[in-house]
Protein backbone atom coordinates (compact mmCIF):
# COMPACT_ATOMS: atom_id res chain seq x y z
CA UNK A 1 151.03 133.23 156.36
CA UNK A 2 151.00 130.40 153.82
CA UNK A 3 152.94 130.83 150.58
CA UNK A 4 149.90 130.90 148.30
CA UNK A 5 148.15 133.64 150.27
CA UNK A 6 151.36 135.63 150.44
CA UNK A 7 151.77 135.43 146.65
CA UNK A 8 148.18 136.54 146.08
CA UNK A 9 148.49 139.46 148.50
CA UNK A 10 151.84 140.47 147.04
CA UNK A 11 150.41 140.64 143.52
CA UNK A 12 147.47 142.65 144.82
CA UNK A 13 149.88 145.22 146.25
CA UNK A 14 151.78 145.36 142.97
CA UNK A 15 148.49 145.94 141.14
CA UNK A 16 147.72 148.86 143.47
CA UNK A 17 151.05 150.48 142.58
CA UNK A 18 150.45 149.81 138.88
CA UNK A 19 147.01 151.44 139.02
CA UNK A 20 148.35 154.45 140.87
CA UNK A 21 151.19 155.08 138.43
CA UNK A 22 148.81 154.61 135.51
CA UNK A 23 146.62 157.32 136.99
CA UNK A 24 149.66 159.56 137.36
CA UNK A 25 150.74 159.03 133.76
CA UNK A 26 147.29 159.51 132.27
CA UNK A 27 146.56 162.73 134.15
CA UNK A 28 150.03 164.29 133.83
CA UNK A 29 150.50 167.42 131.74
CA UNK A 30 154.17 167.06 130.78
CA UNK A 31 155.65 164.75 128.15
CA UNK A 32 158.39 163.74 130.57
CA UNK A 33 155.77 161.96 132.70
CA UNK A 34 153.02 161.29 130.17
CA UNK A 35 155.27 159.94 127.41
CA UNK A 36 158.66 159.14 128.94
CA UNK A 37 157.21 157.83 132.25
CA UNK A 38 159.88 159.35 134.43
CA UNK A 39 157.96 158.50 137.60
CA UNK A 40 157.26 155.78 140.16
CA UNK A 41 154.61 154.72 142.68
CA UNK A 42 155.36 152.72 145.83
CA UNK A 43 153.88 151.45 149.08
CA UNK A 44 155.99 151.85 152.21
CA UNK A 45 155.38 150.49 155.69
CA UNK A 46 155.13 152.70 158.78
CA UNK A 47 158.89 152.45 159.27
CA UNK A 48 159.55 153.72 155.74
CA UNK A 49 160.63 150.35 154.31
CA UNK A 50 159.62 149.43 150.76
CA UNK A 51 156.86 146.83 150.39
CA UNK A 52 155.77 147.21 146.76
CA UNK A 53 156.50 149.25 143.64
CA UNK A 54 154.87 149.54 140.25
CA UNK A 55 156.14 147.23 137.55
CA UNK A 56 158.52 149.04 135.21
CA UNK A 57 159.48 151.55 137.89
CA UNK A 58 162.54 153.78 137.55
CA UNK A 59 165.25 151.94 139.54
CA UNK A 60 166.84 155.01 141.12
CA UNK A 61 163.50 156.35 142.35
CA UNK A 62 162.67 153.08 144.08
CA UNK A 63 166.10 152.86 145.68
CA UNK A 64 165.87 156.41 147.01
CA UNK A 65 162.31 156.48 148.32
CA UNK A 66 162.77 154.28 151.38
CA UNK A 67 165.69 156.29 152.84
CA UNK A 68 163.81 159.47 151.91
CA UNK A 69 160.74 158.32 153.84
CA UNK A 70 162.88 157.52 156.87
CA UNK A 71 164.29 161.05 156.72
CA UNK A 72 160.80 162.53 156.42
CA UNK A 73 159.73 160.66 159.56
CA UNK A 74 162.50 162.58 161.31
CA UNK A 75 160.83 165.84 160.24
CA UNK A 76 157.28 164.60 160.83
CA UNK A 77 157.16 161.85 163.50
CA UNK A 78 154.64 159.09 162.91
CA UNK A 79 152.23 160.29 165.60
CA UNK A 80 151.94 163.78 164.01
CA UNK A 81 150.52 162.65 160.65
CA UNK A 82 146.82 163.21 159.99
CA UNK A 83 144.41 161.86 157.37
CA UNK A 84 144.69 164.08 154.29
CA UNK A 85 148.33 165.07 154.86
CA UNK A 86 150.64 165.11 151.83
CA UNK A 87 154.32 165.94 152.25
CA UNK A 88 156.56 166.93 149.36
CA UNK A 89 160.23 167.73 148.84
CA UNK A 90 162.82 167.92 146.08
CA UNK A 91 165.88 168.03 148.35
CA UNK A 92 168.57 166.19 146.32
CA UNK A 93 170.30 164.81 149.42
CA UNK A 94 167.04 163.53 150.90
CA UNK A 95 165.26 162.50 147.70
CA UNK A 96 166.45 161.20 144.35
CA UNK A 97 169.56 163.27 143.74
CA UNK A 98 168.48 166.43 141.89
CA UNK A 99 165.86 169.14 142.18
CA UNK A 100 163.68 168.34 139.13
CA UNK A 101 162.47 165.17 140.88
CA UNK A 102 159.59 165.89 143.26
CA UNK A 103 158.85 163.35 145.99
CA UNK A 104 155.36 163.11 147.50
CA UNK A 105 154.17 160.85 150.32
CA UNK A 106 150.85 160.47 152.12
CA UNK A 107 149.81 158.40 155.14
CA UNK A 108 147.26 155.63 154.67
CA UNK A 109 144.83 155.37 157.58
CA UNK A 110 142.72 152.29 158.32
CA UNK A 111 140.44 151.99 161.35
CA UNK A 112 141.80 155.25 162.72
CA UNK A 113 145.56 154.55 162.57
CA UNK A 114 148.38 154.73 160.07
CA UNK A 115 149.02 151.38 158.39
CA UNK A 116 151.32 152.48 155.54
CA UNK A 117 152.51 155.34 153.35
CA UNK A 118 151.86 155.74 149.65
CA UNK A 119 154.62 157.54 147.79
CA UNK A 120 155.59 158.64 144.31
CA UNK A 121 158.19 160.62 142.42
CA UNK A 122 157.85 162.51 139.13
CA UNK A 123 160.38 164.54 137.18
CA UNK A 124 159.03 168.09 136.79
CA UNK A 125 158.94 169.72 133.37
CA UNK A 126 160.83 172.64 134.89
CA UNK A 127 162.01 173.62 138.35
CA UNK A 128 163.32 177.10 137.58
CA UNK A 129 166.93 178.19 137.84
CA UNK A 130 169.11 177.85 134.76
CA UNK A 131 167.02 175.00 133.25
CA UNK A 132 168.04 171.35 133.45
CA UNK A 133 171.73 171.80 132.70
CA UNK A 134 175.17 170.37 133.42
CA UNK A 135 177.19 173.55 133.80
CA UNK A 136 176.19 174.97 137.19
CA UNK A 137 178.55 175.49 140.13
CA UNK A 138 176.16 175.12 143.07
CA UNK A 139 172.73 173.59 143.65
CA UNK A 140 171.33 177.08 144.21
CA UNK A 141 171.54 177.73 140.45
CA UNK A 142 169.61 174.57 139.63
CA UNK A 143 166.12 175.68 140.52
CA UNK A 144 163.82 176.25 143.45
CA UNK A 145 164.53 174.07 146.47
CA UNK A 146 161.55 172.62 148.32
CA UNK A 147 162.32 171.44 151.86
CA UNK A 148 159.98 168.89 153.44
CA UNK A 149 156.64 170.73 153.46
CA UNK A 150 152.99 169.77 153.78
CA UNK A 151 151.33 170.51 150.46
CA UNK A 152 148.12 169.32 152.09
CA UNK A 153 147.47 169.48 155.84
CA UNK A 154 144.52 167.42 157.02
CA UNK A 155 143.09 167.66 153.52
CA UNK A 156 143.55 171.44 153.14
CA UNK A 157 145.71 172.60 150.21
CA UNK A 158 148.50 175.04 151.05
CA UNK A 159 148.01 177.58 148.24
CA UNK A 160 151.14 179.49 149.26
CA UNK A 161 153.34 176.54 148.24
CA UNK A 162 151.66 176.30 144.84
CA UNK A 163 151.95 180.05 144.31
CA UNK A 164 155.66 179.96 145.14
CA UNK A 165 156.29 177.12 142.71
CA UNK A 166 154.26 178.77 139.93
CA UNK A 167 156.21 181.99 140.40
CA UNK A 168 159.57 180.24 139.95
CA UNK A 169 159.05 177.99 136.91
CA UNK A 170 158.80 178.63 133.19
CA UNK A 171 155.79 176.41 132.49
CA UNK A 172 153.66 176.76 135.64
CA UNK A 173 150.50 175.12 134.29
CA UNK A 174 152.46 172.05 133.24
CA UNK A 175 154.38 171.79 136.52
CA UNK A 176 151.33 172.31 138.73
CA UNK A 177 149.30 169.96 136.55
CA UNK A 178 151.85 167.23 137.20
CA UNK A 179 151.80 167.97 140.93
CA UNK A 180 148.05 167.36 141.03
CA UNK A 181 148.58 164.18 139.01
CA UNK A 182 150.92 163.02 141.76
CA UNK A 183 148.28 163.90 144.36
CA UNK A 184 145.69 161.87 142.44
CA UNK A 185 148.06 158.89 142.33
CA UNK A 186 148.49 159.04 146.11
CA UNK A 187 144.74 159.08 146.56
CA UNK A 188 144.31 156.07 144.27
CA UNK A 189 147.00 154.11 146.09
CA UNK A 190 145.63 154.94 149.52
CA UNK A 191 142.02 154.10 148.62
CA UNK A 192 142.93 150.78 147.03
CA UNK A 193 145.12 149.85 149.98
CA UNK A 194 142.26 150.48 152.41
CA UNK A 195 139.98 148.35 150.19
CA UNK A 196 142.58 145.57 150.23
CA UNK A 197 142.86 145.56 154.01
CA UNK A 198 139.10 145.69 154.50
CA UNK A 199 138.49 142.80 152.12
CA UNK A 200 141.20 140.61 153.67
CA UNK A 201 140.41 141.54 157.26
CA UNK A 202 144.03 142.57 157.70
CA UNK A 203 144.56 145.01 160.56
CA UNK A 204 148.29 145.56 160.12
CA UNK A 205 150.03 145.69 156.74
CA UNK A 206 153.19 144.36 158.33
CA UNK A 207 151.49 140.96 158.37
CA UNK A 208 152.24 140.79 154.64
CA UNK A 209 155.03 143.39 154.44
CA UNK A 210 157.38 141.73 156.92
CA UNK A 211 157.41 138.27 155.25
CA UNK A 212 157.81 139.85 151.81
CA UNK A 213 160.85 141.77 153.02
CA UNK A 214 162.25 138.71 154.81
CA UNK A 215 161.85 136.55 151.71
CA UNK A 216 163.66 139.20 149.66
CA UNK A 217 166.49 139.24 152.18
CA UNK A 218 166.83 135.46 152.28
CA UNK A 219 166.84 135.23 148.48
CA UNK A 220 169.58 137.83 148.21
CA UNK A 221 171.67 136.18 150.92
CA UNK A 222 171.41 132.82 149.14
CA UNK A 223 172.53 134.44 145.88
CA UNK A 224 175.48 136.21 147.53
CA UNK A 225 176.60 133.04 149.30
CA UNK A 226 177.08 131.37 145.91
CA UNK A 227 179.88 133.84 145.11
CA UNK A 228 183.43 133.03 146.19
CA UNK A 229 184.61 135.16 149.09
CA UNK A 230 187.08 137.84 148.10
CA UNK A 231 187.57 141.42 146.99
CA UNK A 232 186.98 142.47 143.39
CA UNK A 233 187.90 145.74 141.72
CA UNK A 234 186.04 147.78 139.14
CA UNK A 235 186.96 151.13 137.63
CA UNK A 236 185.73 153.35 134.83
CA UNK A 237 186.73 156.78 133.54
CA UNK A 238 184.55 159.72 132.55
CA UNK A 239 185.11 162.81 130.43
CA UNK A 240 184.21 164.94 133.44
CA UNK A 241 183.61 168.67 133.13
CA UNK A 242 187.08 170.12 132.65
CA UNK A 243 189.19 167.00 133.30
CA UNK A 244 188.68 163.21 133.31
CA UNK A 245 187.22 161.59 136.42
CA UNK A 246 187.51 158.12 137.91
CA UNK A 247 184.81 155.97 139.51
CA UNK A 248 186.37 153.09 141.42
CA UNK A 249 184.83 150.38 143.59
CA UNK A 250 186.08 147.51 145.72
CA UNK A 251 183.41 144.83 146.02
CA UNK A 252 184.02 142.57 149.00
CA UNK A 253 182.10 139.31 149.41
CA UNK A 254 182.04 137.69 152.84
CA UNK A 255 179.62 134.81 153.28
CA UNK A 256 176.14 136.10 152.51
CA UNK A 257 176.99 139.81 152.58
CA UNK A 258 178.49 142.28 150.13
CA UNK A 259 180.26 145.56 150.82
CA UNK A 260 180.86 148.04 148.01
CA UNK A 261 183.43 150.71 148.81
CA UNK A 262 184.05 153.60 146.42
CA UNK A 263 187.34 154.73 148.00
CA UNK A 264 189.62 155.96 145.22
CA UNK A 265 186.81 157.71 143.34
CA UNK A 266 187.49 161.29 142.24
CA UNK A 267 186.58 164.16 144.54
CA UNK A 268 183.44 166.19 143.92
CA UNK A 269 183.87 168.95 141.37
CA UNK A 270 183.12 172.64 141.48
CA UNK A 271 181.08 172.90 138.33
CA UNK A 272 179.30 170.70 135.85
CA UNK A 273 176.45 169.47 138.01
CA UNK A 274 177.84 165.92 137.81
CA UNK A 275 178.18 165.37 141.55
CA UNK A 276 176.05 162.64 143.11
CA UNK A 277 174.31 162.65 146.52
CA UNK A 278 174.71 159.42 148.47
CA UNK A 279 171.10 158.21 148.09
CA UNK A 280 171.47 158.00 144.31
CA UNK A 281 174.80 156.22 144.65
CA UNK A 282 173.29 153.64 146.96
CA UNK A 283 170.33 153.12 144.61
CA UNK A 284 172.49 152.52 141.54
CA UNK A 285 174.84 150.24 143.45
CA UNK A 286 172.17 147.93 144.83
CA UNK A 287 170.19 147.84 141.57
CA UNK A 288 172.85 146.18 139.35
CA UNK A 289 173.65 143.75 142.17
CA UNK A 290 169.96 142.79 142.28
CA UNK A 291 169.96 142.34 138.50
CA UNK A 292 173.05 140.13 138.59
CA UNK A 293 172.45 138.05 141.67
CA UNK A 294 168.71 137.80 142.27
CA UNK A 295 166.77 139.07 139.24
CA UNK A 296 163.60 137.00 139.66
CA UNK A 297 162.39 137.61 143.20
CA UNK A 298 160.65 140.63 144.66
CA UNK A 299 162.52 143.89 145.15
CA UNK A 300 161.89 145.24 148.63
CA UNK A 301 163.95 146.90 151.33
CA UNK A 302 164.78 143.39 152.54
CA UNK A 303 166.59 142.64 149.29
CA UNK A 304 169.21 145.23 150.14
CA UNK A 305 169.82 144.41 153.80
CA UNK A 306 172.85 142.20 152.96
CA UNK A 307 174.45 145.03 150.94
CA UNK A 308 176.40 147.92 152.40
CA UNK A 309 177.59 150.85 150.31
CA UNK A 310 180.36 153.22 151.35
CA UNK A 311 181.50 156.34 149.52
CA UNK A 312 183.94 158.82 151.10
CA UNK A 313 182.22 162.06 151.98
CA UNK A 314 183.30 164.72 149.55
CA UNK A 315 183.91 162.34 146.65
CA UNK A 316 181.89 162.68 143.47
CA UNK A 317 179.58 159.85 144.61
CA UNK A 318 178.88 161.37 148.03
CA UNK A 319 179.05 165.10 147.48
CA UNK A 320 178.58 167.74 150.14
CA UNK A 321 175.92 170.43 150.00
CA UNK A 322 175.72 172.79 148.11
CA UNK A 323 177.41 170.98 145.21
CA UNK A 324 175.74 171.17 141.79
CA UNK A 325 173.94 167.88 141.10
CA UNK A 326 171.53 168.49 138.21
CA UNK A 327 173.40 166.08 135.91
CA UNK A 328 174.08 163.47 138.59
CA UNK A 329 172.93 160.75 136.19
CA UNK A 330 176.11 161.22 134.11
CA UNK A 331 178.21 159.96 137.00
CA UNK A 332 175.78 157.84 138.99
CA UNK A 333 174.62 155.67 136.10
CA UNK A 334 178.19 154.52 135.45
CA UNK A 335 178.17 152.71 138.80
CA UNK A 336 176.50 149.82 136.96
CA UNK A 337 179.54 149.51 134.70
CA UNK A 338 181.89 149.50 137.69
CA UNK A 339 179.88 146.84 139.53
CA UNK A 340 179.67 144.68 136.41
CA UNK A 341 183.38 145.07 135.76
CA UNK A 342 184.21 144.05 139.31
CA UNK A 343 182.11 140.87 139.15
CA UNK A 344 182.75 139.96 135.51
CA UNK A 345 185.33 137.28 136.35
CA UNK A 346 183.17 135.50 138.92
CA UNK A 347 179.92 135.87 136.93
CA UNK A 348 181.18 135.71 133.33
CA UNK A 349 177.90 134.40 131.93
CA UNK A 350 175.76 137.15 133.45
CA UNK A 351 177.69 140.37 132.91
CA UNK A 352 176.98 142.35 129.75
CA UNK A 353 179.31 144.76 127.97
CA UNK A 354 179.03 148.49 128.60
CA UNK A 355 175.92 150.21 127.25
CA UNK A 356 175.62 153.40 125.22
CA UNK A 357 173.11 154.84 127.68
CA UNK A 358 175.28 154.23 130.75
CA UNK A 359 175.28 157.19 131.09
CA UNK A 360 172.85 158.59 128.50
CA UNK A 361 173.08 161.55 126.17
CA UNK A 362 170.25 163.92 127.04
CA UNK A 363 169.15 167.28 125.66
CA UNK A 364 166.73 169.81 127.11
CA UNK A 365 165.20 172.49 124.89
CA UNK A 366 163.36 175.56 126.18
CA UNK A 367 162.18 178.90 124.93
CA UNK A 368 159.09 180.72 123.70
CA UNK A 369 156.95 179.34 120.89
CA UNK A 370 155.34 181.25 118.01
CA UNK A 371 152.30 182.04 120.17
CA UNK A 372 154.54 183.51 122.91
CA UNK A 373 153.85 180.50 125.14
CA UNK A 374 156.90 179.18 127.02
CA UNK A 375 157.83 175.57 126.33
CA UNK A 376 160.25 172.95 127.62
CA UNK A 377 161.07 169.52 126.23
CA UNK A 378 163.29 166.69 127.48
CA UNK A 379 164.57 164.29 124.82
CA UNK A 380 165.15 160.80 126.21
CA UNK A 381 166.44 159.05 123.09
CA UNK A 382 168.78 156.14 123.77
CA UNK A 383 171.91 154.43 122.59
CA UNK A 384 172.58 150.72 122.23
CA UNK A 385 172.72 148.19 125.05
CA UNK A 386 175.87 146.17 125.64
CA UNK A 387 176.17 142.72 124.08
CA UNK A 388 175.25 139.77 126.29
CA UNK A 389 177.35 136.64 126.88
CA UNK A 390 174.97 134.65 124.69
CA UNK A 391 173.27 137.22 122.43
CA UNK A 392 173.66 140.56 120.69
CA UNK A 393 172.85 143.76 122.55
CA UNK A 394 169.53 145.51 122.06
CA UNK A 395 169.35 148.54 119.79
CA UNK A 396 168.48 151.95 121.24
CA UNK A 397 167.48 150.60 124.63
CA UNK A 398 167.76 152.52 127.92
CA UNK A 399 169.90 151.04 130.69
CA UNK A 400 170.22 151.20 133.69
CA UNK A 401 167.26 153.55 133.65
CA UNK A 402 164.12 152.53 131.78
CA UNK A 403 162.75 155.93 130.81
CA UNK A 404 161.07 155.86 127.43
CA UNK A 405 161.58 158.19 124.49
CA UNK A 406 158.58 160.24 123.50
CA UNK A 407 157.56 159.96 119.86
CA UNK A 408 158.97 162.56 117.50
CA UNK A 409 155.43 163.58 116.56
CA UNK A 410 154.78 164.46 120.19
CA UNK A 411 158.05 166.38 120.40
CA UNK A 412 157.21 168.37 117.27
CA UNK A 413 153.78 169.19 118.70
CA UNK A 414 155.14 170.71 121.93
CA UNK A 415 158.46 172.23 120.80
CA UNK A 416 159.44 174.18 117.64
CA UNK A 417 161.67 171.38 116.36
CA UNK A 418 161.46 169.48 113.08
CA UNK A 419 163.08 166.05 112.91
CA UNK A 420 164.84 165.38 109.64
CA UNK A 421 166.23 162.01 110.57
CA UNK A 422 166.01 159.44 113.37
CA UNK A 423 167.57 156.12 112.40
CA UNK A 424 169.81 153.30 113.54
CA UNK A 425 173.51 154.09 113.04
CA UNK A 426 175.37 151.32 111.16
CA UNK A 427 178.71 150.29 112.71
CA UNK A 428 177.88 152.06 115.98
CA UNK A 429 177.68 148.84 118.02
CA UNK A 430 180.89 147.32 119.32
CA UNK A 431 182.05 144.31 117.26
CA UNK A 432 182.32 140.94 118.96
CA UNK A 433 181.21 137.34 118.91
CA UNK A 434 178.01 139.03 119.96
CA UNK A 435 177.61 142.57 118.66
CA UNK A 436 176.66 145.52 120.82
CA UNK A 437 173.30 147.13 120.16
CA UNK A 438 173.30 150.00 117.70
CA UNK A 439 173.02 153.61 118.69
CA UNK A 440 171.09 156.08 116.58
CA UNK A 441 171.57 159.29 114.61
CA UNK A 442 169.16 162.19 114.87
CA UNK A 443 169.02 165.42 112.91
CA UNK A 444 166.62 168.21 113.88
CA UNK A 445 166.00 171.82 112.90
CA UNK A 446 164.82 174.79 114.94
CA UNK A 447 161.65 175.99 113.20
CA UNK A 448 160.79 178.76 115.66
CA UNK A 449 161.10 182.39 114.64
CA UNK A 450 162.87 183.02 117.96
CA UNK A 451 166.10 181.63 119.45
CA UNK A 452 165.80 178.63 121.77
CA UNK A 453 168.07 177.41 124.55
CA UNK A 454 169.66 173.99 124.13
CA UNK A 455 171.17 172.21 127.12
CA UNK A 456 173.36 169.19 126.36
CA UNK A 457 173.90 166.66 129.16
CA UNK A 458 176.30 164.01 127.95
CA UNK A 459 179.28 161.77 128.68
CA UNK A 460 181.37 159.12 126.96
CA UNK A 461 182.86 161.25 124.17
CA UNK A 462 186.46 160.38 125.06
CA UNK A 463 185.74 157.04 126.79
CA UNK A 464 183.34 155.05 124.57
CA UNK A 465 181.38 152.04 125.90
CA UNK A 466 183.79 149.13 126.29
CA UNK A 467 183.39 145.53 125.21
CA UNK A 468 183.98 142.45 127.37
CA UNK A 469 185.83 139.16 126.98
CA UNK A 470 187.63 140.35 123.85
CA UNK A 471 184.74 142.38 122.45
CA UNK A 472 185.48 145.80 121.03
CA UNK A 473 184.33 149.25 122.10
CA UNK A 474 181.30 150.94 120.54
CA UNK A 475 180.96 154.34 118.94
CA UNK A 476 181.03 157.25 121.39
CA UNK A 477 178.44 159.98 121.93
CA UNK A 478 178.60 163.22 119.99
CA UNK A 479 176.47 166.33 119.42
CA UNK A 480 177.19 169.01 116.83
CA UNK A 481 175.79 171.68 114.59
CA UNK A 482 175.69 170.95 110.88
CA UNK A 483 177.45 172.99 108.18
CA UNK A 484 180.85 172.46 109.82
CA UNK A 485 180.13 174.65 112.83
CA UNK A 486 181.72 172.14 115.18
CA UNK A 487 180.63 170.23 118.25
CA UNK A 488 178.10 171.48 120.74
CA UNK A 489 179.13 171.76 124.39
CA UNK A 490 179.21 168.32 126.01
CA UNK A 491 177.88 169.68 129.27
CA UNK A 492 176.44 173.10 128.82
CA UNK A 493 173.94 175.45 127.30
CA UNK A 494 173.99 177.16 123.95
CA UNK A 495 171.60 179.31 121.97
CA UNK A 496 170.15 177.95 118.74
CA UNK A 497 168.88 180.40 116.16
CA UNK A 498 165.92 179.92 113.83
CA UNK A 499 166.97 177.53 111.07
CA UNK A 500 169.85 175.98 113.01
CA UNK A 501 170.24 172.24 112.51
CA UNK A 502 171.91 169.86 114.96
CA UNK A 503 173.07 166.25 114.76
CA UNK A 504 172.94 163.92 117.76
CA UNK A 505 174.95 160.70 117.62
CA UNK A 506 174.01 158.23 120.36
CA UNK A 507 176.60 155.68 121.39
CA UNK A 508 176.25 151.96 120.72
CA UNK A 509 176.82 149.11 123.14
CA UNK A 510 180.13 147.31 123.55
CA UNK A 511 180.71 143.91 121.95
CA UNK A 512 181.17 140.58 123.73
CA UNK A 513 183.85 138.07 122.73
CA UNK A 514 186.39 138.29 119.86
CA UNK A 515 184.83 139.58 116.60
CA UNK A 516 186.56 136.84 114.59
CA UNK A 517 184.44 134.28 116.44
CA UNK A 518 181.20 135.70 115.09
CA UNK A 519 179.37 133.33 112.75
CA UNK A 520 180.17 134.46 109.15
CA UNK A 521 176.56 133.77 108.17
CA UNK A 522 175.44 136.15 110.91
CA UNK A 523 177.91 138.76 109.67
CA UNK A 524 176.41 138.53 106.19
CA UNK A 525 172.92 138.86 107.64
CA UNK A 526 174.06 141.95 109.58
CA UNK A 527 175.37 143.37 106.31
CA UNK A 528 172.11 142.69 104.47
CA UNK A 529 170.15 144.30 107.30
CA UNK A 530 172.29 147.42 107.14
CA UNK A 531 173.67 147.01 110.67
CA UNK A 532 177.29 147.01 109.55
CA UNK A 533 179.25 148.19 106.51
CA UNK A 534 181.18 146.07 104.04
CA UNK A 535 184.39 147.60 105.36
CA UNK A 536 183.63 146.45 108.91
CA UNK A 537 182.63 142.97 107.72
CA UNK A 538 186.02 142.60 106.01
CA UNK A 539 188.42 144.37 108.31
CA UNK A 540 186.93 143.63 111.74
CA UNK A 541 184.99 140.39 111.35
CA UNK A 542 187.30 138.93 108.68
CA UNK A 543 184.47 137.91 106.35
CA UNK A 544 184.87 138.05 102.57
CA UNK A 545 181.71 139.76 101.39
CA UNK A 546 182.51 139.52 97.66
CA UNK A 547 180.61 136.75 95.86
CA UNK A 548 182.81 134.20 93.98
CA UNK A 549 184.11 135.55 90.69
CA UNK A 550 183.25 139.15 91.53
CA UNK A 551 186.78 140.55 91.54
CA UNK A 552 185.77 144.01 90.37
CA UNK A 553 184.39 145.09 93.75
């Protein structure tokens, strides 16, 4: 296939994924999908390899869907699929790492045979159990488990599956509404893919899928071959649940291949839900490598063929069933920091400082509203992004995930919470030649006449986001009640009473380069903009902020 045709076809496939995920978002019931866009739509070939994904997709979902599809083909061999079949699962070890994420896939038939699979993932508003929390001891506490099952068989809905799910969740209409939104997205993707093949006269999608994957592989191999051969170490520390934990990686470059080995990482823990299944580890290892080495070409299964990922079984990045995994993001997201740290010396102009949302501070609120209707709400507010080698970090920006924060007006409309304050936090970004992005401060009050359950899922209280190349660390995360009642649990649930007020302090990003090398004019502009205090301008950046002759200040 010539390059121009391949580019046109490739963009057509991307557009199909974009249309499907737009349909999912616009028909979803929950704010976590409708507002925060915690979802993805993909096209996979008949072998389960990734061909296309929607633009702006959640990185971990994309990285997990191809191995998940290959596992599903073990349960349902290719020849057993029928038109109208839809398979679903939320198995953390098969899917995306925890039970709230529901995977759905459907075969796409053209001229009587399977030519591809359409797939998507969406984070459910609730999956039962003890709510989305970080203080469980086994996966059995974390909600209903759905093994690979056919939600639809030859176009017929299995009502028993829906009834079982409705019976086990707090907000059944919202959860089931999102499931049907996922079904609609699969139908959109499948129909558009058939249209595409009919219009182009293409009989086998591998005609375009194979060269796309091969181009991705060749691009990644070229990028890897530009690195010097050798082994590079990265390590970061986490608060953990009851003791600090270590995530360690050895990144070995040999020719046009990379091996990432997490030997030396802490063992899985019995409690806290911060264990990570291997699929999620692999996804968040390959993603930062793609960002660093080959950010501009297509992301397909071929892009990751030159990369191998090893994590000892039983470590916190390759936990054994039935470990608790609900808060796997707290550990898994830090892999980006470890990979960046390992390659910082050989790619000094590409590696950013640590970010305040790597991992993020999340809260989940649930209870019964004034009208006796159950509610749940996930807050996806963000901290600052790490400073770049040539520019300041971005304020309140998610990374490595890209899940958006719902507006506070939406939150107040679905949960009995009143936001008093949501603003950038001065001095929260790490100082440096380039300053880390600012975190934010939020204050909210419970305005229900009934208690509500608050689940805090957080990290980086004791180990704040670090700077690079002489840059300084940022402010750490923190969550507390007002009126001197002390901090909230870092990883756990607590009951909030009517009238209770909480403060959430989201970490900033680390700085890049020595603070004394920052342009004094830029420091003064930061001061005028309210990004830093006078004390920080003087003591950290070494800038005299007093105008000449003003000795009384």
